[in-house]
Amino acid sequence: MQHRLAVLLALLAGCRAPASTTPPGTSPPSTTPTADAVVVARPGVHGMVLFGREALYASHLPMYEAPHDVQAVLRLHPRDPAILDAWRRELASQPIITFVPAPFDLSRLAGGGDLELVGDIYLGHFERGGTVWTSGVEVRAEVVFFHVIPPDPPTTSDAIAFGHGTETYVVPLIGPRPGVDRIIAVDAPAPAKPETITFDTLTLSRMGWTEQRVLYEERADLQ
């Protein structure tokens, strides 16, 4: 028995993990939902801010409290092509456009994949004087990433980088109170798939992402 145990330990000691192919400063975001994301239902009205040009994205408006304790970005594929045309022609240049789907369980996004949503598009913030631009918009929502904000979030420099074509966006993960929700555009080709990056000057410089602009910033909901 002791001889067999010694052989087994020797085999385990000789195992080597495969070398990482992820560039320094980046790592793939987790695609495995957390236990919390799977177990806890988050039904409600979940407003989202719209952004993008080559592709149309929606970022959930997060808070620290459930059912809104989630950072999530969706790529929206409107069933009516005229919606996307109008977005590129007249809406994308507006300071803020929000999308409000019919009430649904936000945790349905935790597993990735696609989800059918129907909602209204507002000129402005839907809870701060925005006006309905059009109603009953049907979209196929493709999950880009889903991140549950923990009850006591740590200070972090992690961010999710994603995009399409020549458009790249970075969403820093929200840390402790008071927090900030930001969407940042970077003048660089988009990564092939969403990546977790270290959002600091050195990493951005090494990646060639030196030109940045803040598309959206929210602090009031994260006090």
Protein backbone atom coordinates (compact mmCIF):
# COMPACT_ATOMS: atom_id res chain seq x y z
CA MET A 1 0.00 0.00 0.00
CA GLN A 2 2.81 2.44 0.89
CA HIS A 3 4.56 1.64 -2.40
CA ARG A 4 1.36 2.39 -4.39
CA LEU A 5 0.86 5.68 -2.52
CA ALA A 6 4.43 6.72 -3.26
CA VAL A 7 3.96 5.97 -6.97
CA LEU A 8 0.72 7.98 -7.06
CA LEU A 9 2.35 10.98 -5.37
CA ALA A 10 5.24 10.83 -7.81
CA LEU A 11 2.88 10.84 -10.78
CA LEU A 12 0.95 13.81 -9.40
CA ALA A 13 4.16 15.71 -8.75
CA GLY A 14 5.20 15.17 -12.36
CA CYS A 15 2.02 16.66 -13.81
CA ARG A 16 2.37 20.09 -15.38
CA ALA A 17 -0.42 22.51 -16.27
CA PRO A 18 -0.44 23.58 -19.94
CA ALA A 19 1.23 26.90 -20.67
CA SER A 20 -1.11 29.89 -20.78
CA THR A 21 -1.70 31.53 -24.15
CA THR A 22 -3.37 34.60 -22.62
CA PRO A 23 -1.43 37.85 -23.17
CA PRO A 24 0.07 39.50 -20.05
CA GLY A 25 -2.45 41.64 -18.21
CA THR A 26 -5.44 39.79 -19.64
CA SER A 27 -7.42 36.67 -18.90
CA PRO A 28 -10.66 35.25 -20.22
CA PRO A 29 -13.69 36.25 -18.13
CA SER A 30 -15.34 33.45 -16.20
CA THR A 31 -18.10 31.76 -18.13
CA THR A 32 -19.21 29.69 -15.14
CA PRO A 33 -22.07 31.32 -13.22
CA THR A 34 -21.44 31.80 -9.53
CA ALA A 35 -23.57 29.78 -7.11
CA ASP A 36 -25.25 33.04 -6.11
CA ALA A 37 -26.10 33.86 -9.71
CA VAL A 38 -27.70 30.47 -10.22
CA VAL A 39 -29.67 30.25 -6.97
CA VAL A 40 -30.88 33.82 -6.45
CA ALA A 41 -33.71 35.06 -8.65
CA ARG A 42 -33.59 38.73 -9.63
CA PRO A 43 -37.02 39.58 -11.05
CA GLY A 44 -37.84 43.20 -11.77
CA VAL A 45 -37.57 46.11 -14.18
CA HIS A 46 -33.96 46.18 -15.33
CA GLY A 47 -33.10 49.37 -17.19
CA MET A 48 -30.06 49.47 -19.46
CA VAL A 49 -27.99 52.16 -21.14
CA LEU A 50 -27.41 51.75 -24.89
CA PHE A 51 -24.10 52.36 -26.67
CA GLY A 52 -22.10 51.31 -29.73
CA ARG A 53 -22.16 51.94 -33.47
CA GLU A 54 -21.02 48.91 -35.46
CA ALA A 55 -22.88 46.81 -32.91
CA LEU A 56 -25.60 47.84 -30.46
CA TYR A 57 -24.91 47.09 -26.79
CA ALA A 58 -26.95 47.43 -23.61
CA SER A 59 -25.36 47.71 -20.17
CA HIS A 60 -27.51 46.91 -17.14
CA LEU A 61 -27.77 49.83 -14.69
CA PRO A 62 -26.33 48.25 -11.54
CA MET A 63 -26.77 48.93 -7.84
CA TYR A 64 -25.31 47.29 -4.75
CA GLU A 65 -28.71 45.94 -3.68
CA ALA A 66 -30.61 42.99 -5.17
CA PRO A 67 -32.21 42.53 -7.62
CA HIS A 68 -29.90 44.98 -9.41
CA ASP A 69 -26.57 43.78 -7.95
CA VAL A 70 -25.23 42.73 -11.34
CA GLN A 71 -22.99 44.18 -14.01
CA ALA A 72 -24.06 42.76 -17.36
CA VAL A 73 -23.58 43.75 -20.98
CA LEU A 74 -25.72 42.45 -23.82
CA ARG A 75 -25.32 42.77 -27.55
CA LEU A 76 -28.76 43.55 -28.96
CA HIS A 77 -29.98 42.29 -32.31
CA PRO A 78 -33.27 44.11 -33.09
CA ARG A 79 -35.82 42.08 -35.03
CA ASP A 80 -36.69 45.21 -37.02
CA PRO A 81 -33.61 46.38 -39.00
CA ALA A 82 -35.04 49.92 -39.02
CA ILE A 83 -34.31 50.17 -35.28
CA LEU A 84 -30.60 49.60 -35.83
CA ASP A 85 -30.57 52.01 -38.77
CA ALA A 86 -32.26 54.70 -36.67
CA TRP A 87 -29.85 54.06 -33.82
CA ARG A 88 -26.83 54.64 -36.05
CA ARG A 89 -28.39 57.61 -37.83
CA GLU A 90 -29.90 59.65 -35.00
CA LEU A 91 -29.66 58.03 -31.58
CA ALA A 92 -26.03 57.01 -31.09
CA SER A 93 -24.95 60.66 -30.86
CA GLN A 94 -27.36 61.42 -27.99
CA PRO A 95 -25.86 61.86 -24.47
CA ILE A 96 -27.82 58.93 -23.04
CA ILE A 97 -30.34 56.46 -24.43
CA THR A 98 -31.90 53.78 -22.23
CA PHE A 99 -33.67 50.52 -22.96
CA VAL A 100 -36.26 49.15 -20.54
CA PRO A 101 -37.30 45.55 -21.19
CA ALA A 102 -40.52 44.14 -19.79
CA PRO A 103 -39.90 42.78 -16.26
CA PHE A 104 -37.76 39.63 -16.26
CA ASP A 105 -35.39 37.67 -14.03
CA LEU A 106 -31.92 39.16 -14.50
CA SER A 107 -30.30 35.91 -13.34
CA ARG A 108 -31.48 34.30 -16.58
CA LEU A 109 -28.44 35.99 -18.13
CA ALA A 110 -26.02 34.16 -15.83
CA GLY A 111 -25.65 31.13 -18.08
CA GLY A 112 -24.70 33.15 -21.16
CA GLY A 113 -26.32 32.47 -24.52
CA ASP A 114 -29.22 34.44 -25.97
CA LEU A 115 -32.48 35.78 -24.57
CA GLU A 116 -35.53 37.27 -26.27
CA LEU A 117 -36.52 40.65 -24.80
CA VAL A 118 -39.23 43.19 -25.60
CA GLY A 119 -38.99 46.73 -24.29
CA ASP A 120 -39.09 50.49 -24.79
CA ILE A 121 -36.31 52.83 -25.88
CA TYR A 122 -36.07 56.19 -24.07
CA LEU A 123 -34.37 59.41 -25.07
CA GLY A 124 -32.55 60.10 -21.81
CA HIS A 125 -32.64 58.15 -18.54
CA PHE A 126 -35.97 56.35 -18.15
CA GLU A 127 -36.15 57.22 -14.42
CA ARG A 128 -34.90 60.80 -14.74
CA GLY A 129 -37.22 62.54 -17.14
CA GLY A 130 -36.51 60.51 -20.26
CA THR A 131 -39.19 60.23 -22.95
CA VAL A 132 -40.22 57.16 -24.90
CA TRP A 133 -38.77 57.13 -28.41
CA THR A 134 -40.41 53.88 -29.44
CA SER A 135 -42.21 51.02 -27.67
CA GLY A 136 -42.41 47.27 -28.05
CA VAL A 137 -38.94 46.80 -29.52
CA GLU A 138 -38.15 43.10 -29.97
CA VAL A 139 -34.51 42.09 -29.64
CA ARG A 140 -32.40 38.99 -29.41
CA ALA A 141 -30.05 39.73 -26.52
CA GLU A 142 -26.66 38.04 -26.66
CA VAL A 143 -24.87 37.94 -23.29
CA VAL A 144 -21.38 39.47 -23.45
CA PHE A 145 -20.64 39.16 -19.74
CA PHE A 146 -22.45 38.76 -16.41
CA HIS A 147 -20.86 39.69 -13.08
CA VAL A 148 -22.52 39.59 -9.66
CA ILE A 149 -21.40 42.45 -7.40
CA PRO A 150 -20.53 40.78 -4.07
CA PRO A 151 -22.08 42.10 -0.82
CA ASP A 152 -18.71 43.52 0.25
CA PRO A 153 -16.87 44.11 -3.04
CA PRO A 154 -13.08 44.41 -2.87
CA THR A 155 -11.04 47.19 -4.41
CA THR A 156 -10.16 45.99 -7.90
CA SER A 157 -8.50 47.15 -11.09
CA ASP A 158 -10.13 44.38 -13.15
CA ALA A 159 -12.23 45.32 -16.15
CA ILE A 160 -13.95 43.55 -19.02
CA ALA A 161 -12.82 44.43 -22.56
CA PHE A 162 -15.00 43.55 -25.53
CA GLY A 163 -16.25 44.92 -28.82
CA HIS A 164 -16.85 44.39 -32.50
CA GLY A 165 -14.78 45.29 -35.54
CA THR A 166 -12.89 48.51 -34.89
CA GLU A 167 -14.81 49.33 -31.70
CA THR A 168 -13.48 48.30 -28.31
CA TYR A 169 -15.15 48.99 -24.97
CA VAL A 170 -13.97 48.56 -21.40
CA VAL A 171 -16.25 48.20 -18.36
CA PRO A 172 -14.35 48.34 -15.03
CA LEU A 173 -15.72 46.06 -12.32
CA ILE A 174 -17.40 47.94 -9.49
CA GLY A 175 -15.55 48.07 -6.17
CA PRO A 176 -16.57 49.18 -2.67
CA ARG A 177 -18.91 52.08 -1.89
CA PRO A 178 -19.04 54.73 -3.12
CA GLY A 179 -18.72 53.10 -6.51
CA VAL A 180 -18.87 54.16 -10.12
CA ASP A 181 -20.27 52.47 -13.21
CA ARG A 182 -18.32 53.40 -16.36
CA ILE A 183 -18.30 52.49 -20.03
CA ILE A 184 -15.09 53.49 -21.78
CA ALA A 185 -14.43 53.48 -25.52
CA VAL A 186 -10.91 52.65 -26.69
CA ASP A 187 -9.55 53.41 -30.16
CA ALA A 188 -8.30 49.92 -30.97
CA PRO A 189 -9.46 46.79 -32.82
CA ALA A 190 -11.81 44.71 -30.69
CA PRO A 191 -10.56 41.56 -28.97
CA ALA A 192 -11.71 38.29 -30.53
CA LYS A 193 -13.77 37.58 -27.41
CA PRO A 194 -14.41 39.33 -24.08
CA GLU A 195 -11.32 39.48 -21.86
CA THR A 196 -10.62 40.38 -18.25
CA ILE A 197 -7.87 43.00 -18.20
CA THR A 198 -5.99 44.93 -15.54
CA PHE A 199 -7.25 48.46 -16.06
CA ASP A 200 -4.18 50.57 -15.36
CA THR A 201 -1.98 52.91 -17.37
CA LEU A 202 0.87 50.42 -17.79
CA THR A 203 -1.33 47.62 -19.11
CA LEU A 204 -3.25 49.91 -21.45
CA SER A 205 -0.01 51.35 -22.81
CA ARG A 206 1.42 47.87 -23.40
CA MET A 207 -1.74 46.92 -25.28
CA GLY A 208 -1.63 50.13 -27.32
CA TRP A 209 -4.92 51.37 -25.83
CA THR A 210 -3.83 54.93 -25.10
CA GLU A 211 -6.78 56.83 -26.61
CA GLN A 212 -9.83 56.54 -24.36
CA ARG A 213 -13.10 58.38 -23.81
CA VAL A 214 -15.80 57.87 -21.20
CA LEU A 215 -19.16 57.15 -22.85
CA TYR A 216 -21.14 56.77 -19.63
CA GLU A 217 -20.53 57.33 -15.93
CA GLU A 218 -22.95 56.83 -13.02
CA ARG A 219 -22.27 57.44 -9.33
CA ALA A 220 -25.64 58.34 -7.77
CA ASP A 221 -26.96 54.75 -7.79
CA LEU A 222 -23.78 53.40 -6.20
CA GLN A 223 -23.53 55.36 -2.94
